[in-house]
Amino acid sequence: MTFRVPDNVAYIDGSDLGQGEVLYLTLLPHGRTVRLEGVGRQIWMIAAEGGSVAAEISELVGQPLEIVAGGVTSFLGELVYRRLLTPDLA
Protein backbone atom coordinates (compact mmCIF):
# COMPACT_ATOMS: atom_id res chain seq x y z
CA MET A 1 0.00 0.00 0.00
CA THR A 2 1.20 3.50 -0.77
CA PHE A 3 0.35 6.73 0.99
CA ARG A 4 0.21 10.43 0.29
CA VAL A 5 0.23 13.59 2.36
CA PRO A 6 -3.24 15.12 2.71
CA ASP A 7 -3.64 18.65 1.37
CA ASN A 8 -4.33 19.99 4.87
CA VAL A 9 -1.04 18.76 6.38
CA ALA A 10 1.87 21.19 6.52
CA TYR A 11 5.30 19.92 7.48
CA ILE A 12 8.79 21.18 8.21
CA ASP A 13 11.81 18.89 8.21
CA GLY A 14 14.18 20.12 10.88
CA SER A 15 17.17 18.75 8.98
CA ASP A 16 16.45 21.33 6.24
CA LEU A 17 16.84 24.07 8.86
CA GLY A 18 19.84 22.64 10.70
CA GLN A 19 17.69 21.49 13.64
CA GLY A 20 18.49 17.80 13.43
CA GLU A 21 16.50 14.74 12.42
CA VAL A 22 13.09 15.97 13.53
CA LEU A 23 9.88 16.50 11.59
CA TYR A 24 7.01 18.81 12.53
CA LEU A 25 3.58 18.07 11.05
CA THR A 26 0.63 20.41 11.47
CA LEU A 27 -2.96 19.52 10.67
CA LEU A 28 -4.55 22.64 9.21
CA PRO A 29 -6.60 24.66 10.01
CA HIS A 30 -6.67 23.40 13.58
CA GLY A 31 -2.99 23.99 14.18
CA ARG A 32 -2.38 20.77 16.08
CA THR A 33 1.35 20.05 15.66
CA VAL A 34 2.97 16.63 15.94
CA ARG A 35 6.71 16.09 16.30
CA LEU A 36 8.29 12.95 14.84
CA GLU A 37 11.89 11.89 15.19
CA GLY A 38 13.96 8.77 14.71
CA VAL A 39 12.28 5.87 12.96
CA GLY A 40 8.87 7.57 13.18
CA ARG A 41 10.23 10.45 11.10
CA GLN A 42 11.73 8.02 8.61
CA ILE A 43 8.45 6.09 8.29
CA TRP A 44 6.49 9.27 7.54
CA MET A 45 9.10 10.54 5.07
CA ILE A 46 9.24 7.26 3.13
CA ALA A 47 5.44 6.99 3.07
CA ALA A 48 5.08 10.62 1.94
CA GLU A 49 7.43 9.89 -0.97
CA GLY A 50 5.37 6.85 -1.98
CA GLY A 51 8.07 4.35 -1.04
CA SER A 52 7.85 0.78 0.17
CA VAL A 53 7.88 1.71 3.84
CA ALA A 54 8.42 -1.61 5.63
CA ALA A 55 11.10 -2.75 3.16
CA GLU A 56 13.01 0.52 3.38
CA ILE A 57 12.81 0.63 7.18
CA SER A 58 13.97 -2.98 7.31
CA GLU A 59 17.04 -2.04 5.29
CA LEU A 60 17.60 1.16 7.27
CA VAL A 61 17.63 -0.56 10.67
CA GLY A 62 19.32 -3.74 9.46
CA GLN A 63 16.52 -6.06 10.61
CA PRO A 64 14.57 -8.66 8.64
CA LEU A 65 11.32 -7.46 7.08
CA GLU A 66 9.36 -9.98 9.17
CA ILE A 67 10.66 -8.32 12.36
CA VAL A 68 9.80 -4.71 11.46
CA ALA A 69 6.68 -5.10 9.29
CA GLY A 70 4.16 -5.29 12.16
CA GLY A 71 5.46 -2.21 13.93
CA VAL A 72 5.71 -0.21 10.72
CA THR A 73 2.17 -1.18 9.70
CA SER A 74 0.85 -0.25 13.14
CA PHE A 75 2.58 3.15 13.07
CA LEU A 76 1.30 3.86 9.56
CA GLY A 77 -2.20 3.02 10.80
CA GLU A 78 -1.78 5.55 13.60
CA LEU A 79 -0.62 8.22 11.14
CA VAL A 80 -3.67 7.55 8.95
CA TYR A 81 -5.97 7.59 11.98
CA ARG A 82 -4.51 10.98 13.00
CA ARG A 83 -5.00 12.18 9.39
CA LEU A 84 -1.29 12.87 8.88
CA LEU A 85 -1.20 10.44 5.94
CA THR A 86 -3.87 9.00 3.71
CA PRO A 87 -3.83 5.79 1.69
CA ASP A 88 -3.21 6.46 -1.98
CA LEU A 89 -6.05 4.62 -3.70
CA ALA A 90 -4.99 5.65 -7.22
PDB file of N, CA and C in Angstrom:
ATOM      1  N   MET A   1       0.853  -1.179   0.000  1.00  0.00           N
ATOM      2  CA  MET A   1       0.000   0.000   0.000  1.00  0.00           C
ATOM      3  C   MET A   1       0.893   1.234   0.000  1.00  0.00           C
ATOM      4  N   THR A   2       0.485   2.225  -0.764  1.00  0.00           N
ATOM      5  CA  THR A   2       1.200   3.496  -0.774  1.00  0.00           C
ATOM      6  C   THR A   2       0.348   4.569  -0.110  1.00  0.00           C
ATOM      7  N   PHE A   3       0.996   5.650   0.259  1.00  0.00           N
ATOM      8  CA  PHE A   3       0.345   6.726   0.990  1.00  0.00           C
ATOM      9  C   PHE A   3       0.676   8.053   0.335  1.00  0.00           C
ATOM     10  N   ARG A   4      -0.081   9.067   0.727  1.00  0.00           N
ATOM     11  CA  ARG A   4       0.211  10.429   0.294  1.00  0.00           C
ATOM     12  C   ARG A   4      -0.074  11.371   1.456  1.00  0.00           C
ATOM     13  N   VAL A   5       0.446  12.571   1.342  1.00  0.00           N
ATOM     14  CA  VAL A   5       0.231  13.593   2.357  1.00  0.00           C
ATOM     15  C   VAL A   5      -1.066  14.322   2.029  1.00  0.00           C
ATOM     16  N   PRO A   6      -2.005  14.369   2.965  1.00  0.00           N
ATOM     17  CA  PRO A   6      -3.242  15.119   2.715  1.00  0.00           C
ATOM     18  C   PRO A   6      -2.952  16.604   2.460  1.00  0.00           C
ATOM     19  N   ASP A   7      -3.824  17.233   1.707  1.00  0.00           N
ATOM     20  CA  ASP A   7      -3.639  18.647   1.369  1.00  0.00           C
ATOM     21  C   ASP A   7      -3.634  19.555   2.590  1.00  0.00           C
ATOM     22  N   ASN A   8      -4.243  19.129   3.681  1.00  0.00           N
ATOM     23  CA  ASN A   8      -4.328  19.985   4.867  1.00  0.00           C
ATOM     24  C   ASN A   8      -3.239  19.677   5.901  1.00  0.00           C
ATOM     25  N   VAL A   9      -2.165  19.018   5.487  1.00  0.00           N
ATOM     26  CA  VAL A   9      -1.044  18.762   6.384  1.00  0.00           C
ATOM     27  C   VAL A   9       0.163  19.561   5.907  1.00  0.00           C
ATOM     28  N   ALA A  10       0.647  20.428   6.789  1.00  0.00           N
ATOM     29  CA  ALA A  10       1.870  21.185   6.521  1.00  0.00           C
ATOM     30  C   ALA A  10       2.992  20.523   7.310  1.00  0.00           C
ATOM     31  N   TYR A  11       4.189  20.541   6.759  1.00  0.00           N
ATOM     32  CA  TYR A  11       5.298  19.919   7.479  1.00  0.00           C
ATOM     33  C   TYR A  11       6.598  20.675   7.253  1.00  0.00           C
ATOM     34  N   ILE A  12       7.456  20.587   8.259  1.00  0.00           N
ATOM     35  CA  ILE A  12       8.790  21.181   8.210  1.00  0.00           C
ATOM     36  C   ILE A  12       9.763  20.113   8.674  1.00  0.00           C
ATOM     37  N   ASP A  13      10.761  19.843   7.858  1.00  0.00           N
ATOM     38  CA  ASP A  13      11.811  18.894   8.215  1.00  0.00           C
ATOM     39  C   ASP A  13      12.932  19.685   8.873  1.00  0.00           C
ATOM     40  N   GLY A  14      13.158  19.410  10.136  1.00  0.00           N
ATOM     41  CA  GLY A  14      14.184  20.121  10.885  1.00  0.00           C
ATOM     42  C   GLY A  14      15.567  20.010  10.276  1.00  0.00           C
ATOM     43  N   SER A  15      15.841  18.904   9.583  1.00  0.00           N
ATOM     44  CA  SER A  15      17.166  18.750   8.975  1.00  0.00           C
ATOM     45  C   SER A  15      17.396  19.783   7.876  1.00  0.00           C
ATOM     46  N   ASP A  16      16.323  20.276   7.256  1.00  0.00           N
ATOM     47  CA  ASP A  16      16.452  21.326   6.240  1.00  0.00           C
ATOM     48  C   ASP A  16      16.841  22.666   6.864  1.00  0.00           C
ATOM     49  N   LEU A  17      16.577  22.802   8.156  1.00  0.00           N
ATOM     50  CA  LEU A  17      16.839  24.066   8.860  1.00  0.00           C
ATOM     51  C   LEU A  17      17.985  23.951   9.855  1.00  0.00           C
ATOM     52  N   GLY A  18      18.729  22.845   9.783  1.00  0.00           N
ATOM     53  CA  GLY A  18      19.844  22.644  10.699  1.00  0.00           C
ATOM     54  C   GLY A  18      19.420  22.329  12.119  1.00  0.00           C
ATOM     55  N   GLN A  19      18.206  21.795  12.306  1.00  0.00           N
ATOM     56  CA  GLN A  19      17.690  21.492  13.642  1.00  0.00           C
ATOM     57  C   GLN A  19      17.703  20.001  13.955  1.00  0.00           C
ATOM     58  N   GLY A  20      18.383  19.223  13.161  1.00  0.00           N
ATOM     59  CA  GLY A  20      18.490  17.797  13.428  1.00  0.00           C
ATOM     60  C   GLY A  20      17.413  16.984  12.732  1.00  0.00           C
ATOM     61  N   GLU A  21      17.403  15.714  13.042  1.00  0.00           N
ATOM     62  CA  GLU A  21      16.502  14.740  12.416  1.00  0.00           C
ATOM     63  C   GLU A  21      15.139  14.738  13.109  1.00  0.00           C
ATOM     64  N   VAL A  22      14.412  15.812  12.930  1.00  0.00           N
ATOM     65  CA  VAL A  22      13.088  15.968  13.531  1.00  0.00           C
ATOM     66  C   VAL A  22      12.137  16.498  12.454  1.00  0.00           C
ATOM     67  N   LEU A  23      10.890  16.094  12.564  1.00  0.00           N
ATOM     68  CA  LEU A  23       9.881  16.495  11.589  1.00  0.00           C
ATOM     69  C   LEU A  23       8.677  17.040  12.344  1.00  0.00           C
ATOM     70  N   TYR A  24       8.200  18.207  11.937  1.00  0.00           N
ATOM     71  CA  TYR A  24       7.012  18.811  12.527  1.00  0.00           C
ATOM     72  C   TYR A  24       5.884  18.757  11.505  1.00  0.00           C
ATOM     73  N   LEU A  25       4.766  18.180  11.895  1.00  0.00           N
ATOM     74  CA  LEU A  25       3.585  18.074  11.048  1.00  0.00           C
ATOM     75  C   LEU A  25       2.463  18.854  11.709  1.00  0.00           C
ATOM     76  N   THR A  26       1.748  19.644  10.929  1.00  0.00           N
ATOM     77  CA  THR A  26       0.625  20.410  11.475  1.00  0.00           C
ATOM     78  C   THR A  26      -0.606  20.144  10.631  1.00  0.00           C
ATOM     79  N   LEU A  27      -1.669  19.759  11.313  1.00  0.00           N
ATOM     80  CA  LEU A  27      -2.958  19.521  10.668  1.00  0.00           C
ATOM     81  C   LEU A  27      -3.705  20.847  10.613  1.00  0.00           C
ATOM     82  N   LEU A  28      -3.902  21.348   9.408  1.00  0.00           N
ATOM     83  CA  LEU A  28      -4.552  22.639   9.213  1.00  0.00           C
ATOM     84  C   LEU A  28      -6.054  22.462   9.019  1.00  0.00           C
ATOM     85  N   PRO A  29      -6.872  23.346   9.426  1.00  0.00           N
ATOM     86  CA  PRO A  29      -6.600  24.657  10.006  1.00  0.00           C
ATOM     87  C   PRO A  29      -6.519  24.637  11.523  1.00  0.00           C
ATOM     88  N   HIS A  30      -6.601  23.497  12.118  1.00  0.00           N
ATOM     89  CA  HIS A  30      -6.674  23.396  13.579  1.00  0.00           C
ATOM     90  C   HIS A  30      -5.373  23.768  14.276  1.00  0.00           C
ATOM     91  N   GLY A  31      -4.255  23.601  13.603  1.00  0.00           N
ATOM     92  CA  GLY A  31      -2.989  23.988  14.182  1.00  0.00           C
ATOM     93  C   GLY A  31      -2.390  22.983  15.142  1.00  0.00           C
ATOM     94  N   ARG A  32      -2.927  21.788  15.194  1.00  0.00           N
ATOM     95  CA  ARG A  32      -2.381  20.768  16.076  1.00  0.00           C
ATOM     96  C   ARG A  32      -1.075  20.266  15.462  1.00  0.00           C
ATOM     97  N   THR A  33       0.047  20.432  16.174  1.00  0.00           N
ATOM     98  CA  THR A  33       1.349  20.048  15.655  1.00  0.00           C
ATOM     99  C   THR A  33       1.825  18.763  16.310  1.00  0.00           C
ATOM    100  N   VAL A  34       2.413  17.900  15.493  1.00  0.00           N
ATOM    101  CA  VAL A  34       2.965  16.626  15.943  1.00  0.00           C
ATOM    102  C   VAL A  34       4.442  16.634  15.598  1.00  0.00           C
ATOM    103  N   ARG A  35       5.265  16.175  16.519  1.00  0.00           N
ATOM    104  CA  ARG A  35       6.713  16.089  16.301  1.00  0.00           C
ATOM    105  C   ARG A  35       7.094  14.621  16.145  1.00  0.00           C
ATOM    106  N   LEU A  36       7.785  14.309  15.063  1.00  0.00           N
ATOM    107  CA  LEU A  36       8.286  12.952  14.838  1.00  0.00           C
ATOM    108  C   LEU A  36       9.802  13.003  14.747  1.00  0.00           C
ATOM    109  N   GLU A  37      10.442  12.000  15.329  1.00  0.00           N
ATOM    110  CA  GLU A  37      11.886  11.891  15.186  1.00  0.00           C
ATOM    111  C   GLU A  37      12.266  10.417  15.121  1.00  0.00           C
ATOM    112  N   GLY A  38      13.497  10.149  14.800  1.00  0.00           N
ATOM    113  CA  GLY A  38      13.956   8.772  14.715  1.00  0.00           C
ATOM    114  C   GLY A  38      13.248   7.995  13.622  1.00  0.00           C
ATOM    115  N   VAL A  39      12.919   6.755  13.937  1.00  0.00           N
ATOM    116  CA  VAL A  39      12.282   5.872  12.959  1.00  0.00           C
ATOM    117  C   VAL A  39      10.894   6.385  12.577  1.00  0.00           C
ATOM    118  N   GLY A  40      10.181   7.009  13.498  1.00  0.00           N
ATOM    119  CA  GLY A  40       8.869   7.575  13.181  1.00  0.00           C
ATOM    120  C   GLY A  40       8.971   8.613  12.071  1.00  0.00           C
ATOM    121  N   ARG A  41       9.993   9.456  12.155  1.00  0.00           N
ATOM    122  CA  ARG A  41      10.231  10.453  11.103  1.00  0.00           C
ATOM    123  C   ARG A  41      10.530   9.750   9.781  1.00  0.00           C
ATOM    124  N   GLN A  42      11.368   8.742   9.829  1.00  0.00           N
ATOM    125  CA  GLN A  42      11.726   8.016   8.606  1.00  0.00           C
ATOM    126  C   GLN A  42      10.506   7.339   7.976  1.00  0.00           C
ATOM    127  N   ILE A  43       9.657   6.749   8.805  1.00  0.00           N
ATOM    128  CA  ILE A  43       8.448   6.090   8.293  1.00  0.00           C
ATOM    129  C   ILE A  43       7.583   7.102   7.556  1.00  0.00           C
ATOM    130  N   TRP A  44       7.342   8.261   8.174  1.00  0.00           N
ATOM    131  CA  TRP A  44       6.487   9.267   7.536  1.00  0.00           C
ATOM    132  C   TRP A  44       7.115   9.757   6.237  1.00  0.00           C
ATOM    133  N   MET A  45       8.421  10.018   6.258  1.00  0.00           N
ATOM    134  CA  MET A  45       9.097  10.545   5.066  1.00  0.00           C
ATOM    135  C   MET A  45       9.033   9.542   3.910  1.00  0.00           C
ATOM    136  N   ILE A  46       9.285   8.282   4.182  1.00  0.00           N
ATOM    137  CA  ILE A  46       9.240   7.259   3.131  1.00  0.00           C
ATOM    138  C   ILE A  46       7.821   7.123   2.588  1.00  0.00           C
ATOM    139  N   ALA A  47       6.841   7.105   3.498  1.00  0.00           N
ATOM    140  CA  ALA A  47       5.439   6.988   3.069  1.00  0.00           C
ATOM    141  C   ALA A  47       5.033   8.200   2.237  1.00  0.00           C
ATOM    142  N   ALA A  48       5.437   9.395   2.652  1.00  0.00           N
ATOM    143  CA  ALA A  48       5.077  10.620   1.941  1.00  0.00           C
ATOM    144  C   ALA A  48       5.668  10.641   0.531  1.00  0.00           C
ATOM    145  N   GLU A  49       6.791   9.957   0.344  1.00  0.00           N
ATOM    146  CA  GLU A  49       7.433   9.892  -0.970  1.00  0.00           C
ATOM    147  C   GLU A  49       6.903   8.737  -1.806  1.00  0.00           C
ATOM    148  N   GLY A  50       5.960   7.957  -1.239  1.00  0.00           N
ATOM    149  CA  GLY A  50       5.369   6.847  -1.979  1.00  0.00           C
ATOM    150  C   GLY A  50       6.224   5.596  -1.996  1.00  0.00           C
ATOM    151  N   GLY A  51       7.163   5.497  -1.070  1.00  0.00           N
ATOM    152  CA  GLY A  51       8.070   4.351  -1.041  1.00  0.00           C
ATOM    153  C   GLY A  51       7.476   3.118  -0.397  1.00  0.00           C
ATOM    154  N   SER A  52       8.217   2.034  -0.478  1.00  0.00           N
ATOM    155  CA  SER A  52       7.855   0.775   0.169  1.00  0.00           C
ATOM    156  C   SER A  52       8.341   0.849   1.607  1.00  0.00           C
ATOM    157  N   VAL A  53       7.482   1.294   2.501  1.00  0.00           N
ATOM    158  CA  VAL A  53       7.884   1.715   3.837  1.00  0.00           C
ATOM    159  C   VAL A  53       8.542   0.586   4.635  1.00  0.00           C
ATOM    160  N   ALA A  54       7.873  -0.532   4.796  1.00  0.00           N
ATOM    161  CA  ALA A  54       8.419  -1.606   5.627  1.00  0.00           C
ATOM    162  C   ALA A  54       9.751  -2.104   5.071  1.00  0.00           C
ATOM    163  N   ALA A  55       9.851  -2.262   3.765  1.00  0.00           N
ATOM    164  CA  ALA A  55      11.098  -2.749   3.156  1.00  0.00           C
ATOM    165  C   ALA A  55      12.241  -1.760   3.371  1.00  0.00           C
ATOM    166  N   GLU A  56      11.961  -0.487   3.208  1.00  0.00           N
ATOM    167  CA  GLU A  56      13.009   0.522   3.377  1.00  0.00           C
ATOM    168  C   GLU A  56      13.421   0.652   4.839  1.00  0.00           C
ATOM    169  N   ILE A  57      12.471   0.567   5.759  1.00  0.00           N
ATOM    170  CA  ILE A  57      12.808   0.632   7.182  1.00  0.00           C
ATOM    171  C   ILE A  57      13.606  -0.602   7.573  1.00  0.00           C
ATOM    172  N   SER A  58      13.231  -1.758   7.048  1.00  0.00           N
ATOM    173  CA  SER A  58      13.967  -2.984   7.309  1.00  0.00           C
ATOM    174  C   SER A  58      15.434  -2.817   6.927  1.00  0.00           C
ATOM    175  N   GLU A  59      15.667  -2.271   5.761  1.00  0.00           N
ATOM    176  CA  GLU A  59      17.037  -2.044   5.295  1.00  0.00           C
ATOM    177  C   GLU A  59      17.742  -0.995   6.149  1.00  0.00           C
ATOM    178  N   LEU A  60      17.031   0.066   6.491  1.00  0.00           N
ATOM    179  CA  LEU A  60      17.597   1.160   7.272  1.00  0.00           C
ATOM    180  C   LEU A  60      18.078   0.701   8.646  1.00  0.00           C
ATOM    181  N   VAL A  61      17.272  -0.129   9.311  1.00  0.00           N
ATOM    182  CA  VAL A  61      17.628  -0.560  10.669  1.00  0.00           C
ATOM    183  C   VAL A  61      18.393  -1.877  10.690  1.00  0.00           C
ATOM    184  N   GLY A  62      18.557  -2.497   9.533  1.00  0.00           N
ATOM    185  CA  GLY A  62      19.315  -3.738   9.460  1.00  0.00           C
ATOM    186  C   GLY A  62      18.634  -4.925  10.111  1.00  0.00           C
ATOM    187  N   GLN A  63      17.307  -4.964  10.042  1.00  0.00           N
ATOM    188  CA  GLN A  63      16.524  -6.059  10.611  1.00  0.00           C
ATOM    189  C   GLN A  63      15.698  -6.698   9.506  1.00  0.00           C
ATOM    190  N   PRO A  64      15.400  -7.996   9.648  1.00  0.00           N
ATOM    191  CA  PRO A  64      14.565  -8.656   8.638  1.00  0.00           C
ATOM    192  C   PRO A  64      13.187  -8.007   8.540  1.00  0.00           C
ATOM    193  N   LEU A  65      12.641  -8.037   7.336  1.00  0.00           N
ATOM    194  CA  LEU A  65      11.323  -7.462   7.085  1.00  0.00           C
ATOM    195  C   LEU A  65      10.278  -8.034   8.037  1.00  0.00           C
ATOM    196  N   GLU A  66      10.350  -9.334   8.297  1.00  0.00           N
ATOM    197  CA  GLU A  66       9.360  -9.978   9.175  1.00  0.00           C
ATOM    198  C   GLU A  66       9.380  -9.395  10.586  1.00  0.00           C
ATOM    199  N   ILE A  67      10.537  -8.887  11.011  1.00  0.00           N
ATOM    200  CA  ILE A  67      10.664  -8.317  12.362  1.00  0.00           C
ATOM    201  C   ILE A  67      10.044  -6.925  12.430  1.00  0.00           C
ATOM    202  N   VAL A  68      10.239  -6.111  11.406  1.00  0.00           N
ATOM    203  CA  VAL A  68       9.803  -4.713  11.455  1.00  0.00           C
ATOM    204  C   VAL A  68       8.424  -4.461  10.870  1.00  0.00           C
ATOM    205  N   ALA A  69       7.924  -5.359  10.038  1.00  0.00           N
ATOM    206  CA  ALA A  69       6.677  -5.098   9.293  1.00  0.00           C
ATOM    207  C   ALA A  69       5.491  -4.781  10.199  1.00  0.00           C
ATOM    208  N   GLY A  70       5.314  -5.523  11.274  1.00  0.00           N
ATOM    209  CA  GLY A  70       4.164  -5.293  12.156  1.00  0.00           C
ATOM    210  C   GLY A  70       4.187  -3.920  12.802  1.00  0.00           C
ATOM    211  N   GLY A  71       5.340  -3.515  13.307  1.00  0.00           N
ATOM    212  CA  GLY A  71       5.464  -2.205  13.935  1.00  0.00           C
ATOM    213  C   GLY A  71       5.278  -1.072  12.945  1.00  0.00           C
ATOM    214  N   VAL A  72       5.849  -1.240  11.762  1.00  0.00           N
ATOM    215  CA  VAL A  72       5.714  -0.211  10.725  1.00  0.00           C
ATOM    216  C   VAL A  72       4.249  -0.075  10.310  1.00  0.00           C
ATOM    217  N   THR A  73       3.586  -1.198  10.097  1.00  0.00           N
ATOM    218  CA  THR A  73       2.172  -1.176   9.697  1.00  0.00           C
ATOM    219  C   THR A  73       1.317  -0.523  10.775  1.00  0.00           C
ATOM    220  N   SER A  74       1.596  -0.839  12.024  1.00  0.00           N
ATOM    221  CA  SER A  74       0.851  -0.250  13.144  1.00  0.00           C
ATOM    222  C   SER A  74       1.056   1.269  13.196  1.00  0.00           C
ATOM    223  N   PHE A  75       2.294   1.713  13.033  1.00  0.00           N
ATOM    224  CA  PHE A  75       2.582   3.146  13.073  1.00  0.00           C
ATOM    225  C   PHE A  75       1.929   3.871  11.897  1.00  0.00           C
ATOM    226  N   LEU A  76       1.975   3.268  10.711  1.00  0.00           N
ATOM    227  CA  LEU A  76       1.295   3.855   9.556  1.00  0.00           C
ATOM    228  C   LEU A  76      -0.201   3.978   9.814  1.00  0.00           C
ATOM    229  N   GLY A  77      -0.786   2.966  10.445  1.00  0.00           N
ATOM    230  CA  GLY A  77      -2.204   3.025  10.803  1.00  0.00           C
ATOM    231  C   GLY A  77      -2.506   4.178  11.734  1.00  0.00           C
ATOM    232  N   GLU A  78      -1.605   4.428  12.678  1.00  0.00           N
ATOM    233  CA  GLU A  78      -1.778   5.553  13.604  1.00  0.00           C
ATOM    234  C   GLU A  78      -1.679   6.886  12.859  1.00  0.00           C
ATOM    235  N   LEU A  79      -0.754   6.991  11.926  1.00  0.00           N
ATOM    236  CA  LEU A  79      -0.623   8.222  11.140  1.00  0.00           C
ATOM    237  C   LEU A  79      -1.866   8.473  10.286  1.00  0.00           C
ATOM    238  N   VAL A  80      -2.426   7.422   9.726  1.00  0.00           N
ATOM    239  CA  VAL A  80      -3.666   7.548   8.945  1.00  0.00           C
ATOM    240  C   VAL A  80      -4.814   7.939   9.868  1.00  0.00           C
ATOM    241  N   TYR A  81      -4.913   7.286  11.022  1.00  0.00           N
ATOM    242  CA  TYR A  81      -5.971   7.595  11.979  1.00  0.00           C
ATOM    243  C   TYR A  81      -5.909   9.067  12.408  1.00  0.00           C
ATOM    244  N   ARG A  82      -4.698   9.583  12.583  1.00  0.00           N
ATOM    245  CA  ARG A  82      -4.511  10.976  13.003  1.00  0.00           C
ATOM    246  C   ARG A  82      -4.570  11.947  11.825  1.00  0.00           C
ATOM    247  N   ARG A  83      -4.834  11.417  10.624  1.00  0.00           N
ATOM    248  CA  ARG A  83      -4.999  12.185   9.394  1.00  0.00           C
ATOM    249  C   ARG A  83      -3.730  12.901   8.951  1.00  0.00           C
ATOM    250  N   LEU A  84      -2.573  12.322   9.295  1.00  0.00           N
ATOM    251  CA  LEU A  84      -1.289  12.867   8.878  1.00  0.00           C
ATOM    252  C   LEU A  84      -0.789  12.221   7.595  1.00  0.00           C
ATOM    253  N   LEU A  85      -1.405  11.112   7.217  1.00  0.00           N
ATOM    254  CA  LEU A  85      -1.203  10.439   5.937  1.00  0.00           C
ATOM    255  C   LEU A  85      -2.542   9.912   5.496  1.00  0.00           C
ATOM    256  N   THR A  86      -2.670   9.642   4.224  1.00  0.00           N
ATOM    257  CA  THR A  86      -3.868   8.995   3.710  1.00  0.00           C
ATOM    258  C   THR A  86      -3.456   7.922   2.713  1.00  0.00           C
ATOM    259  N   PRO A  87      -4.158   6.799   2.692  1.00  0.00           N
ATOM    260  CA  PRO A  87      -3.826   5.788   1.691  1.00  0.00           C
ATOM    261  C   PRO A  87      -4.022   6.346   0.289  1.00  0.00           C
ATOM    262  N   ASP A  88      -3.113   6.017  -0.592  1.00  0.00           N
ATOM    263  CA  ASP A  88      -3.209   6.458  -1.982  1.00  0.00           C
ATOM    264  C   ASP A  88      -3.944   5.374  -2.751  1.00  0.00           C
ATOM    265  N   LEU A  89      -5.194   5.614  -3.065  1.00  0.00           N
ATOM    266  CA  LEU A  89      -6.047   4.621  -3.697  1.00  0.00           C
ATOM    267  C   LEU A  89      -5.949   4.642  -5.227  1.00  0.00           C
ATOM    268  N   ALA A  90      -5.120   5.537  -5.756  1.00  0.00           N
ATOM    269  CA  ALA A  90      -4.986   5.647  -7.219  1.00  0.00           C
ATOM    270  C   ALA A  90      -4.164   4.527  -7.797  1.00  0.00           C
TER     271      ALA A  90
END
